Amino acid sequence: MSKIEEIDRHVKAYIYNISYHRWSRVYATVNRIWTMTSNIAESLNAGVFTYLGEKYNKELEENKTLSQKMRVRALTDYIHTVIDGVKRFIVCLQNKRCSCGQFHLDELPCPHALAALRHRNESYENYCSPYYMRESLLQTYEISVDPLPDERK
Protein backbone atom coordinates (compact mmCIF):
# COMPACT_ATOMS: atom_id res chain seq x y z
CA MET A 1 0.00 0.00 0.00
CA SER A 2 2.91 2.34 0.65
CA LYS A 3 4.05 1.93 -2.96
CA ILE A 4 0.55 2.72 -4.18
CA GLU A 5 0.45 5.78 -1.96
CA GLU A 6 3.77 6.96 -3.44
CA ILE A 7 2.18 6.94 -6.88
CA ASP A 8 -1.17 8.51 -5.92
CA ARG A 9 -2.66 8.84 -2.43
CA HIS A 10 -6.16 8.99 -3.92
CA VAL A 11 -5.79 5.45 -5.26
CA LYS A 12 -4.94 4.13 -1.80
CA ALA A 13 -8.03 5.83 -0.34
CA TYR A 14 -10.17 4.45 -3.16
CA ILE A 15 -8.91 0.90 -2.61
CA TYR A 16 -9.69 1.07 1.10
CA ASN A 17 -13.16 2.50 0.42
CA ILE A 18 -14.27 -0.21 -2.00
CA SER A 19 -13.63 -2.99 0.57
CA TYR A 20 -11.07 -5.75 0.61
CA HIS A 21 -13.32 -8.37 -1.00
CA ARG A 22 -13.31 -6.48 -4.31
CA TRP A 23 -9.56 -6.42 -4.81
CA SER A 24 -7.92 -9.00 -2.56
CA ARG A 25 -8.03 -12.73 -3.36
CA VAL A 26 -7.88 -13.61 0.32
CA TYR A 27 -11.07 -11.68 1.14
CA ALA A 28 -12.89 -12.40 -2.13
CA THR A 29 -16.37 -13.87 -1.81
CA VAL A 30 -15.93 -15.66 -5.15
CA ASN A 31 -13.06 -17.70 -6.51
CA ARG A 32 -10.63 -15.70 -8.58
CA ILE A 33 -7.93 -17.06 -10.81
CA TRP A 34 -4.36 -15.81 -10.80
CA THR A 35 -3.64 -15.56 -14.51
CA MET A 36 -1.49 -12.80 -15.90
CA THR A 37 -1.71 -12.37 -19.64
CA SER A 38 1.24 -10.16 -20.50
CA ASN A 39 2.95 -12.56 -22.91
CA ILE A 40 0.30 -15.11 -23.74
CA ALA A 41 1.79 -16.34 -27.03
CA GLU A 42 5.01 -17.40 -25.32
CA SER A 43 3.14 -18.99 -22.43
CA LEU A 44 0.83 -20.98 -24.67
CA ASN A 45 3.56 -22.09 -27.05
CA ALA A 46 5.69 -23.33 -24.17
CA GLY A 47 2.78 -25.30 -22.68
CA VAL A 48 1.15 -26.70 -25.80
CA PHE A 49 1.84 -30.35 -24.97
CA THR A 50 0.75 -30.22 -21.34
CA TYR A 51 -2.61 -30.74 -19.68
CA LEU A 52 -2.43 -27.40 -17.89
CA GLY A 53 -0.79 -24.13 -18.83
CA GLU A 54 2.95 -23.91 -18.20
CA LYS A 55 2.58 -21.70 -15.12
CA TYR A 56 0.17 -24.13 -13.47
CA ASN A 57 2.23 -27.20 -14.35
CA LYS A 58 5.21 -25.53 -12.71
CA GLU A 59 3.13 -24.78 -9.59
CA LEU A 60 1.94 -28.38 -9.46
CA GLU A 61 5.50 -29.69 -9.81
CA GLU A 62 6.62 -27.50 -6.91
CA ASN A 63 3.66 -28.69 -4.82
CA LYS A 64 4.39 -32.31 -5.77
CA THR A 65 7.99 -31.96 -4.58
CA LEU A 66 6.80 -30.50 -1.27
CA SER A 67 4.26 -33.31 -0.87
CA GLN A 68 6.80 -36.14 -1.15
CA LYS A 69 7.83 -36.04 2.54
CA MET A 70 4.28 -35.81 3.90
CA ARG A 71 2.50 -38.69 5.59
CA VAL A 72 -1.20 -39.34 4.98
CA ARG A 73 -3.90 -40.99 7.06
CA ALA A 74 -7.26 -41.60 5.41
CA LEU A 75 -10.20 -40.76 7.65
CA THR A 76 -12.86 -41.53 5.01
CA ASP A 77 -12.77 -42.07 1.25
CA TYR A 78 -12.37 -38.33 0.64
CA ILE A 79 -11.12 -36.87 3.94
CA HIS A 80 -7.46 -37.26 4.87
CA THR A 81 -5.14 -36.02 7.58
CA VAL A 82 -1.84 -34.95 6.07
CA ILE A 83 1.14 -34.69 8.38
CA ASP A 84 3.90 -32.30 7.37
CA GLY A 85 6.56 -32.45 10.05
CA VAL A 86 4.74 -31.37 13.21
CA LYS A 87 1.84 -29.70 11.38
CA ARG A 88 -1.40 -31.46 10.47
CA PHE A 89 -3.75 -30.51 7.67
CA ILE A 90 -7.20 -31.82 6.83
CA VAL A 91 -7.87 -32.38 3.13
CA CYS A 92 -11.34 -33.01 1.72
CA LEU A 93 -10.91 -34.12 -1.87
CA GLN A 94 -14.66 -34.25 -2.52
CA ASN A 95 -15.03 -30.51 -1.78
CA LYS A 96 -11.56 -29.60 -3.06
CA ARG A 97 -10.59 -28.01 0.27
CA CYS A 98 -7.61 -28.09 2.59
CA SER A 99 -7.22 -26.52 6.01
CA CYS A 100 -4.22 -24.57 4.66
CA GLY A 101 -6.67 -22.62 2.46
CA GLN A 102 -4.59 -22.82 -0.71
CA PHE A 103 -6.51 -25.66 -2.43
CA HIS A 104 -9.91 -23.94 -2.55
CA LEU A 105 -8.50 -20.44 -3.01
CA ASP A 106 -6.31 -21.24 -6.02
CA GLU A 107 -8.42 -24.15 -7.30
CA LEU A 108 -5.20 -26.08 -7.81
CA PRO A 109 -4.12 -28.96 -5.54
CA CYS A 110 -1.86 -27.78 -2.73
CA PRO A 111 0.99 -30.00 -1.50
CA HIS A 112 -1.31 -31.55 1.11
CA ALA A 113 -3.97 -32.41 -1.48
CA LEU A 114 -1.32 -33.91 -3.75
CA ALA A 115 -0.10 -36.06 -0.86
CA ALA A 116 -3.67 -37.28 -0.30
CA LEU A 117 -4.09 -37.96 -4.03
CA ARG A 118 -0.81 -39.90 -4.07
CA HIS A 119 -2.07 -41.93 -1.09
CA ARG A 120 -5.23 -42.77 -3.07
CA ASN A 121 -3.18 -43.44 -6.22
CA GLU A 122 -5.30 -40.84 -8.01
CA SER A 123 -4.36 -38.25 -10.61
CA TYR A 124 -4.60 -34.49 -10.04
CA GLU A 125 -6.47 -33.60 -13.27
CA ASN A 126 -9.98 -33.79 -11.79
CA TYR A 127 -8.96 -31.44 -8.97
CA CYS A 128 -7.76 -28.46 -11.04
CA SER A 129 -9.94 -25.59 -12.14
CA PRO A 130 -10.96 -25.91 -15.78
CA TYR A 131 -9.73 -22.33 -16.24
CA TYR A 132 -6.13 -23.59 -15.95
CA MET A 133 -6.50 -26.20 -18.68
CA ARG A 134 -4.66 -25.54 -21.89
CA GLU A 135 -7.87 -25.61 -23.95
CA SER A 136 -9.48 -22.97 -21.74
CA LEU A 137 -6.44 -20.72 -22.01
CA LEU A 138 -6.51 -21.06 -25.79
CA GLN A 139 -10.26 -20.31 -25.94
CA THR A 140 -9.73 -17.13 -23.94
CA TYR A 141 -7.95 -15.61 -26.92
CA GLU A 142 -10.25 -16.86 -29.70
CA ILE A 143 -12.14 -13.57 -29.87
CA SER A 144 -10.55 -10.16 -30.08
CA VAL A 145 -10.90 -7.69 -27.24
CA ASP A 146 -10.96 -4.02 -28.12
CA PRO A 147 -9.18 -1.67 -25.73
CA LEU A 148 -11.22 0.86 -23.77
CA PRO A 149 -11.06 4.44 -25.04
CA ASP A 150 -8.93 6.96 -23.17
CA GLU A 151 -11.09 8.67 -20.51
CA ARG A 152 -9.27 11.97 -20.98
CA LYS A 153 -10.50 12.34 -24.57
C-alpha atoms as a PDB file:
ATOM      1  CA  MET A   1       0.000   0.000   0.000  1.00  0.00           C
ATOM      2  CA  SER A   2       2.908   2.342   0.649  1.00  0.00           C
ATOM      3  CA  LYS A   3       4.049   1.927  -2.956  1.00  0.00           C
ATOM      4  CA  ILE A   4       0.545   2.719  -4.184  1.00  0.00           C
ATOM      5  CA  GLU A   5       0.447   5.781  -1.962  1.00  0.00           C
ATOM      6  CA  GLU A   6       3.768   6.963  -3.439  1.00  0.00           C
ATOM      7  CA  ILE A   7       2.175   6.936  -6.875  1.00  0.00           C
ATOM      8  CA  ASP A   8      -1.168   8.507  -5.921  1.00  0.00           C
ATOM      9  CA  ARG A   9      -2.659   8.836  -2.435  1.00  0.00           C
ATOM     10  CA  HIS A  10      -6.164   8.991  -3.920  1.00  0.00           C
ATOM     11  CA  VAL A  11      -5.790   5.454  -5.256  1.00  0.00           C
ATOM     12  CA  LYS A  12      -4.942   4.133  -1.796  1.00  0.00           C
ATOM     13  CA  ALA A  13      -8.031   5.828  -0.338  1.00  0.00           C
ATOM     14  CA  TYR A  14     -10.168   4.454  -3.161  1.00  0.00           C
ATOM     15  CA  ILE A  15      -8.914   0.896  -2.607  1.00  0.00           C
ATOM     16  CA  TYR A  16      -9.689   1.072   1.098  1.00  0.00           C
ATOM     17  CA  ASN A  17     -13.159   2.501   0.424  1.00  0.00           C
ATOM     18  CA  ILE A  18     -14.270  -0.214  -2.003  1.00  0.00           C
ATOM     19  CA  SER A  19     -13.634  -2.987   0.572  1.00  0.00           C
ATOM     20  CA  TYR A  20     -11.074  -5.753   0.606  1.00  0.00           C
ATOM     21  CA  HIS A  21     -13.317  -8.372  -0.997  1.00  0.00           C
ATOM     22  CA  ARG A  22     -13.308  -6.484  -4.307  1.00  0.00           C
ATOM     23  CA  TRP A  23      -9.556  -6.422  -4.806  1.00  0.00           C
ATOM     24  CA  SER A  24      -7.924  -9.000  -2.556  1.00  0.00           C
ATOM     25  CA  ARG A  25      -8.033 -12.727  -3.362  1.00  0.00           C
ATOM     26  CA  VAL A  26      -7.877 -13.613   0.317  1.00  0.00           C
ATOM     27  CA  TYR A  27     -11.066 -11.684   1.137  1.00  0.00           C
ATOM     28  CA  ALA A  28     -12.885 -12.396  -2.134  1.00  0.00           C
ATOM     29  CA  THR A  29     -16.369 -13.867  -1.809  1.00  0.00           C
ATOM     30  CA  VAL A  30     -15.929 -15.660  -5.149  1.00  0.00           C
ATOM     31  CA  ASN A  31     -13.058 -17.700  -6.510  1.00  0.00           C
ATOM     32  CA  ARG A  32     -10.629 -15.695  -8.584  1.00  0.00           C
ATOM     33  CA  ILE A  33      -7.933 -17.065 -10.806  1.00  0.00           C
ATOM     34  CA  TRP A  34      -4.361 -15.811 -10.799  1.00  0.00           C
ATOM     35  CA  THR A  35      -3.641 -15.557 -14.506  1.00  0.00           C
ATOM     36  CA  MET A  36      -1.486 -12.804 -15.902  1.00  0.00           C
ATOM     37  CA  THR A  37      -1.713 -12.365 -19.645  1.00  0.00           C
ATOM     38  CA  SER A  38       1.240 -10.163 -20.501  1.00  0.00           C
ATOM     39  CA  ASN A  39       2.950 -12.558 -22.912  1.00  0.00           C
ATOM     40  CA  ILE A  40       0.299 -15.110 -23.743  1.00  0.00           C
ATOM     41  CA  ALA A  41       1.787 -16.344 -27.027  1.00  0.00           C
ATOM     42  CA  GLU A  42       5.012 -17.401 -25.318  1.00  0.00           C
ATOM     43  CA  SER A  43       3.142 -18.985 -22.425  1.00  0.00           C
ATOM     44  CA  LEU A  44       0.827 -20.982 -24.675  1.00  0.00           C
ATOM     45  CA  ASN A  45       3.562 -22.085 -27.049  1.00  0.00           C
ATOM     46  CA  ALA A  46       5.688 -23.326 -24.172  1.00  0.00           C
ATOM     47  CA  GLY A  47       2.779 -25.298 -22.683  1.00  0.00           C
ATOM     48  CA  VAL A  48       1.151 -26.697 -25.798  1.00  0.00           C
ATOM     49  CA  PHE A  49       1.838 -30.349 -24.972  1.00  0.00           C
ATOM     50  CA  THR A  50       0.754 -30.217 -21.344  1.00  0.00           C
ATOM     51  CA  TYR A  51      -2.614 -30.739 -19.683  1.00  0.00           C
ATOM     52  CA  LEU A  52      -2.429 -27.398 -17.891  1.00  0.00           C
ATOM     53  CA  GLY A  53      -0.795 -24.132 -18.835  1.00  0.00           C
ATOM     54  CA  GLU A  54       2.948 -23.908 -18.201  1.00  0.00           C
ATOM     55  CA  LYS A  55       2.579 -21.701 -15.116  1.00  0.00           C
ATOM     56  CA  TYR A  56       0.175 -24.131 -13.473  1.00  0.00           C
ATOM     57  CA  ASN A  57       2.230 -27.203 -14.345  1.00  0.00           C
ATOM     58  CA  LYS A  58       5.210 -25.531 -12.710  1.00  0.00           C
ATOM     59  CA  GLU A  59       3.126 -24.775  -9.593  1.00  0.00           C
ATOM     60  CA  LEU A  60       1.943 -28.384  -9.457  1.00  0.00           C
ATOM     61  CA  GLU A  61       5.497 -29.685  -9.809  1.00  0.00           C
ATOM     62  CA  GLU A  62       6.619 -27.505  -6.912  1.00  0.00           C
ATOM     63  CA  ASN A  63       3.658 -28.692  -4.819  1.00  0.00           C
ATOM     64  CA  LYS A  64       4.387 -32.309  -5.769  1.00  0.00           C
ATOM     65  CA  THR A  65       7.987 -31.957  -4.582  1.00  0.00           C
ATOM     66  CA  LEU A  66       6.799 -30.496  -1.274  1.00  0.00           C
ATOM     67  CA  SER A  67       4.258 -33.311  -0.866  1.00  0.00           C
ATOM     68  CA  GLN A  68       6.799 -36.136  -1.146  1.00  0.00           C
ATOM     69  CA  LYS A  69       7.830 -36.037   2.535  1.00  0.00           C
ATOM     70  CA  MET A  70       4.282 -35.806   3.896  1.00  0.00           C
ATOM     71  CA  ARG A  71       2.497 -38.694   5.592  1.00  0.00           C
ATOM     72  CA  VAL A  72      -1.195 -39.336   4.977  1.00  0.00           C
ATOM     73  CA  ARG A  73      -3.901 -40.987   7.064  1.00  0.00           C
ATOM     74  CA  ALA A  74      -7.256 -41.604   5.407  1.00  0.00           C
ATOM     75  CA  LEU A  75     -10.203 -40.764   7.645  1.00  0.00           C
ATOM     76  CA  THR A  76     -12.859 -41.531   5.010  1.00  0.00           C
ATOM     77  CA  ASP A  77     -12.766 -42.072   1.251  1.00  0.00           C
ATOM     78  CA  TYR A  78     -12.366 -38.332   0.639  1.00  0.00           C
ATOM     79  CA  ILE A  79     -11.122 -36.875   3.936  1.00  0.00           C
ATOM     80  CA  HIS A  80      -7.458 -37.256   4.875  1.00  0.00           C
ATOM     81  CA  THR A  81      -5.144 -36.021   7.582  1.00  0.00           C
ATOM     82  CA  VAL A  82      -1.840 -34.951   6.066  1.00  0.00           C
ATOM     83  CA  ILE A  83       1.140 -34.689   8.382  1.00  0.00           C
ATOM     84  CA  ASP A  84       3.896 -32.299   7.366  1.00  0.00           C
ATOM     85  CA  GLY A  85       6.565 -32.447  10.049  1.00  0.00           C
ATOM     86  CA  VAL A  86       4.741 -31.366  13.212  1.00  0.00           C
ATOM     87  CA  LYS A  87       1.837 -29.702  11.383  1.00  0.00           C
ATOM     88  CA  ARG A  88      -1.401 -31.458  10.473  1.00  0.00           C
ATOM     89  CA  PHE A  89      -3.750 -30.510   7.673  1.00  0.00           C
ATOM     90  CA  ILE A  90      -7.202 -31.818   6.828  1.00  0.00           C
ATOM     91  CA  VAL A  91      -7.867 -32.385   3.129  1.00  0.00           C
ATOM     92  CA  CYS A  92     -11.339 -33.008   1.718  1.00  0.00           C
ATOM     93  CA  LEU A  93     -10.912 -34.124  -1.872  1.00  0.00           C
ATOM     94  CA  GLN A  94     -14.655 -34.248  -2.519  1.00  0.00           C
ATOM     95  CA  ASN A  95     -15.034 -30.511  -1.776  1.00  0.00           C
ATOM     96  CA  LYS A  96     -11.557 -29.601  -3.056  1.00  0.00           C
ATOM     97  CA  ARG A  97     -10.590 -28.015   0.268  1.00  0.00           C
ATOM     98  CA  CYS A  98      -7.610 -28.086   2.591  1.00  0.00           C
ATOM     99  CA  SER A  99      -7.225 -26.518   6.006  1.00  0.00           C
ATOM    100  CA  CYS A 100      -4.215 -24.569   4.657  1.00  0.00           C
ATOM    101  CA  GLY A 101      -6.671 -22.616   2.459  1.00  0.00           C
ATOM    102  CA  GLN A 102      -4.589 -22.819  -0.711  1.00  0.00           C
ATOM    103  CA  PHE A 103      -6.511 -25.657  -2.426  1.00  0.00           C
ATOM    104  CA  HIS A 104      -9.908 -23.936  -2.552  1.00  0.00           C
ATOM    105  CA  LEU A 105      -8.497 -20.435  -3.013  1.00  0.00           C
ATOM    106  CA  ASP A 106      -6.309 -21.241  -6.016  1.00  0.00           C
ATOM    107  CA  GLU A 107      -8.419 -24.154  -7.296  1.00  0.00           C
ATOM    108  CA  LEU A 108      -5.198 -26.079  -7.814  1.00  0.00           C
ATOM    109  CA  PRO A 109      -4.121 -28.964  -5.544  1.00  0.00           C
ATOM    110  CA  CYS A 110      -1.864 -27.777  -2.726  1.00  0.00           C
ATOM    111  CA  PRO A 111       0.993 -30.004  -1.503  1.00  0.00           C
ATOM    112  CA  HIS A 112      -1.315 -31.555   1.114  1.00  0.00           C
ATOM    113  CA  ALA A 113      -3.968 -32.405  -1.481  1.00  0.00           C
ATOM    114  CA  LEU A 114      -1.320 -33.912  -3.754  1.00  0.00           C
ATOM    115  CA  ALA A 115      -0.099 -36.060  -0.856  1.00  0.00           C
ATOM    116  CA  ALA A 116      -3.668 -37.283  -0.304  1.00  0.00           C
ATOM    117  CA  LEU A 117      -4.086 -37.958  -4.034  1.00  0.00           C
ATOM    118  CA  ARG A 118      -0.813 -39.903  -4.074  1.00  0.00           C
ATOM    119  CA  HIS A 119      -2.069 -41.930  -1.088  1.00  0.00           C
ATOM    120  CA  ARG A 120      -5.233 -42.769  -3.072  1.00  0.00           C
ATOM    121  CA  ASN A 121      -3.177 -43.437  -6.217  1.00  0.00           C
ATOM    122  CA  GLU A 122      -5.296 -40.845  -8.007  1.00  0.00           C
ATOM    123  CA  SER A 123      -4.356 -38.248 -10.613  1.00  0.00           C
ATOM    124  CA  TYR A 124      -4.601 -34.486 -10.041  1.00  0.00           C
ATOM    125  CA  GLU A 125      -6.466 -33.603 -13.271  1.00  0.00           C
ATOM    126  CA  ASN A 126      -9.977 -33.786 -11.791  1.00  0.00           C
ATOM    127  CA  TYR A 127      -8.958 -31.440  -8.973  1.00  0.00           C
ATOM    128  CA  CYS A 128      -7.757 -28.463 -11.042  1.00  0.00           C
ATOM    129  CA  SER A 129      -9.942 -25.588 -12.136  1.00  0.00           C
ATOM    130  CA  PRO A 130     -10.965 -25.913 -15.784  1.00  0.00           C
ATOM    131  CA  TYR A 131      -9.725 -22.329 -16.238  1.00  0.00           C
ATOM    132  CA  TYR A 132      -6.135 -23.588 -15.950  1.00  0.00           C
ATOM    133  CA  MET A 133      -6.495 -26.204 -18.675  1.00  0.00           C
ATOM    134  CA  ARG A 134      -4.657 -25.545 -21.894  1.00  0.00           C
ATOM    135  CA  GLU A 135      -7.871 -25.612 -23.948  1.00  0.00           C
ATOM    136  CA  SER A 136      -9.480 -22.967 -21.739  1.00  0.00           C
ATOM    137  CA  LEU A 137      -6.443 -20.721 -22.010  1.00  0.00           C
ATOM    138  CA  LEU A 138      -6.513 -21.055 -25.789  1.00  0.00           C
ATOM    139  CA  GLN A 139     -10.259 -20.313 -25.943  1.00  0.00           C
ATOM    140  CA  THR A 140      -9.728 -17.131 -23.943  1.00  0.00           C
ATOM    141  CA  TYR A 141      -7.955 -15.608 -26.919  1.00  0.00           C
ATOM    142  CA  GLU A 142     -10.249 -16.859 -29.696  1.00  0.00           C
ATOM    143  CA  ILE A 143     -12.137 -13.567 -29.867  1.00  0.00           C
ATOM    144  CA  SER A 144     -10.548 -10.164 -30.078  1.00  0.00           C
ATOM    145  CA  VAL A 145     -10.902  -7.694 -27.242  1.00  0.00           C
ATOM    146  CA  ASP A 146     -10.963  -4.018 -28.118  1.00  0.00           C
ATOM    147  CA  PRO A 147      -9.183  -1.667 -25.732  1.00  0.00           C
ATOM    148  CA  LEU A 148     -11.224   0.859 -23.771  1.00  0.00           C
ATOM    149  CA  PRO A 149     -11.055   4.436 -25.038  1.00  0.00           C
ATOM    150  CA  ASP A 150      -8.932   6.955 -23.169  1.00  0.00           C
ATOM    151  CA  GLU A 151     -11.093   8.672 -20.506  1.00  0.00           C
ATOM    152  CA  ARG A 152      -9.274  11.967 -20.985  1.00  0.00           C
ATOM    153  CA  LYS A 153     -10.504  12.337 -24.575  1.00  0.00           C
END
